[in-house]
């Protein structure tokens, strides 16, 4: 019976466009290519104008939200419902920021963020993402800063 049901049901689901397999509905976990028309979901600035600061939130359905810097991305991430009432944090597949030294989009959760340095982003004071704690300390030596945080340590008060 199971084999017959699968033989009948699987083609019906695929043909009707209702296939609910885990891999078929989920977005691939990788950064999205930023379009020239993308605007920061927090401040409205054009994101492509600041390639060294681009950040993004990729949702499980494959859509994304783009940002002109990590600070605005964190504002959005920490309060998704304020900026997009149809979304919640549980809808997020991945978060990416542009790592300072490599200038490459990198998964945000593994990085360290320096607050209060002399390096400004498009909107002024910025959280500067770096790959390792050693690089964060080196960055602070060169550019000052008040605090080094991991992704999960960043709070709304750190974004002012």
Foldseek 3Di string as FASTA:
>chain_A
DVVVCCVPVVVVCVVVVNDDDQVVQFADPDDDDQDQPAAALQPGHRQVVQLLAKKKWAFRRGDIGIHNHPLSVVVCLQCVCVSPVVDHNVRTDFIWTQANPVSDTDTQQQWKWFFDWQDATPVGGHTHTHRDPVVNVVCCVVTNGDDIGGPVPDDPVRSD
